[in-house]
């Protein structure tokens, strides 16, 4: 139950971050859910192979792998460039059209 609540909060974080980057929020939410479950099951599988008699180790491996998938995807998403704010770009274009980028410089 707690895992579901954590995953819901994580998808909200990824949705906001993807929107900030100008990317599809739904697609990145899907990425994190798939990566979370794939990594968790991979961790559980490795835990079963290494320690066949201890259930607590399965959970530790599963959640550790899921957390690693979260941080890896968050790192990838953070490396994407932010959405450019066009307001300053529009102001720059207007200054160039008037020929007054600086009071001391005049263009002919």
Protein backbone atom coordinates (compact mmCIF):
# COMPACT_ATOMS: atom_id res chain seq x y z
CA UNK A 1 0.00 0.00 0.00
CA UNK A 2 2.78 2.42 0.89
CA UNK A 3 4.54 1.56 -2.36
CA UNK A 4 1.49 2.66 -4.35
CA UNK A 5 1.38 6.01 -2.53
CA UNK A 6 5.10 6.50 -3.11
CA UNK A 7 4.71 5.68 -6.80
CA UNK A 8 1.81 8.13 -7.15
CA UNK A 9 3.92 10.92 -5.63
CA UNK A 10 6.88 10.00 -7.82
CA UNK A 11 4.75 10.19 -10.96
CA UNK A 12 3.55 13.64 -9.92
CA UNK A 13 7.15 14.77 -9.48
CA UNK A 14 8.09 13.41 -12.90
CA UNK A 15 5.04 15.00 -14.50
CA UNK A 16 5.93 18.44 -13.17
CA UNK A 17 9.58 18.08 -14.12
CA UNK A 18 8.75 16.87 -17.63
CA UNK A 19 6.34 19.78 -18.13
CA UNK A 20 9.07 22.17 -16.98
CA UNK A 21 11.35 20.64 -19.59
CA UNK A 22 8.70 20.92 -22.31
CA UNK A 23 8.31 17.14 -22.57
CA UNK A 24 5.26 14.92 -22.39
CA UNK A 25 4.31 14.47 -18.74
CA UNK A 26 2.26 11.34 -19.44
CA UNK A 27 5.09 9.64 -21.27
CA UNK A 28 7.58 10.28 -18.45
CA UNK A 29 5.04 9.08 -15.89
CA UNK A 30 4.74 5.87 -17.89
CA UNK A 31 8.55 5.59 -18.05
CA UNK A 32 8.92 5.83 -14.28
CA UNK A 33 6.13 3.33 -13.55
CA UNK A 34 7.58 0.79 -16.01
CA UNK A 35 11.14 1.36 -14.79
CA UNK A 36 10.03 1.08 -11.16
CA UNK A 37 8.30 -2.28 -11.61
CA UNK A 38 10.94 -3.70 -13.93
CA UNK A 39 13.73 -2.73 -11.53
CA UNK A 40 11.81 -4.00 -8.52
CA UNK A 41 11.18 -7.40 -10.08
CA UNK A 42 14.78 -7.58 -11.28
CA UNK A 43 16.00 -6.84 -7.75
CA UNK A 44 13.69 -9.45 -6.27
CA UNK A 45 14.90 -12.01 -8.82
CA UNK A 46 18.54 -11.28 -7.99
CA UNK A 47 17.74 -11.45 -4.28
CA UNK A 48 16.13 -14.86 -4.76
CA UNK A 49 19.17 -16.11 -6.67
CA UNK A 50 21.67 -14.86 -4.10
CA UNK A 51 19.75 -15.53 -0.87
CA UNK A 52 17.10 -18.20 -1.51
CA UNK A 53 15.89 -18.49 2.09
CA UNK A 54 15.45 -14.88 3.24
CA UNK A 55 12.32 -12.97 2.22
CA UNK A 56 13.48 -9.69 3.78
CA UNK A 57 16.48 -9.66 1.44
CA UNK A 58 14.11 -9.98 -1.56
CA UNK A 59 12.31 -6.84 -0.48
CA UNK A 60 15.53 -4.95 0.19
CA UNK A 61 16.91 -5.85 -3.22
CA UNK A 62 13.63 -5.02 -4.94
CA UNK A 63 13.21 -1.61 -3.32
CA UNK A 64 16.89 -0.79 -3.77
CA UNK A 65 16.71 -1.51 -7.49
CA UNK A 66 13.46 0.48 -7.77
CA UNK A 67 15.04 3.45 -5.99
CA UNK A 68 18.05 3.21 -8.30
CA UNK A 69 15.72 3.29 -11.32
CA UNK A 70 14.02 6.38 -9.89
CA UNK A 71 17.30 8.22 -9.42
CA UNK A 72 18.58 7.17 -12.83
CA UNK A 73 15.46 8.42 -14.62
CA UNK A 74 15.42 11.60 -12.56
CA UNK A 75 19.06 12.23 -13.48
CA UNK A 76 18.24 11.70 -17.18
CA UNK A 77 15.24 14.04 -16.99
CA UNK A 78 17.19 16.70 -15.09
CA UNK A 79 19.88 16.68 -17.79
CA UNK A 80 17.31 17.66 -20.43
CA UNK A 81 17.24 21.40 -21.17
CA UNK A 82 14.49 23.51 -19.64
CA UNK A 83 11.75 24.96 -21.79
CA UNK A 84 12.97 28.33 -23.08
CA UNK A 85 11.02 31.34 -21.87
CA UNK A 86 10.25 33.25 -25.07
CA UNK A 87 9.54 36.58 -23.33
CA UNK A 88 13.18 37.60 -23.00
CA UNK A 89 13.84 36.38 -26.52
CA UNK A 90 11.04 38.59 -27.88
CA UNK A 91 12.42 41.59 -26.01
CA UNK A 92 15.86 40.93 -27.46
CA UNK A 93 14.40 40.92 -30.96
CA UNK A 94 12.62 44.23 -30.35
CA UNK A 95 15.83 45.86 -29.13
CA UNK A 96 17.65 44.75 -32.28
CA UNK A 97 14.92 46.16 -34.54
CA UNK A 98 15.10 49.61 -32.96
CA UNK A 99 18.88 49.65 -33.19
CA UNK A 100 19.25 50.52 -29.52
CA UNK A 101 20.84 47.59 -27.79
CA UNK A 102 22.77 50.03 -25.65
CA UNK A 103 22.52 53.77 -25.37
CA UNK A 104 26.13 54.24 -26.49
CA UNK A 105 25.82 52.04 -29.62
CA UNK A 106 23.91 53.10 -32.74
CA UNK A 107 23.53 51.04 -35.89
CA UNK A 108 23.25 52.53 -39.36
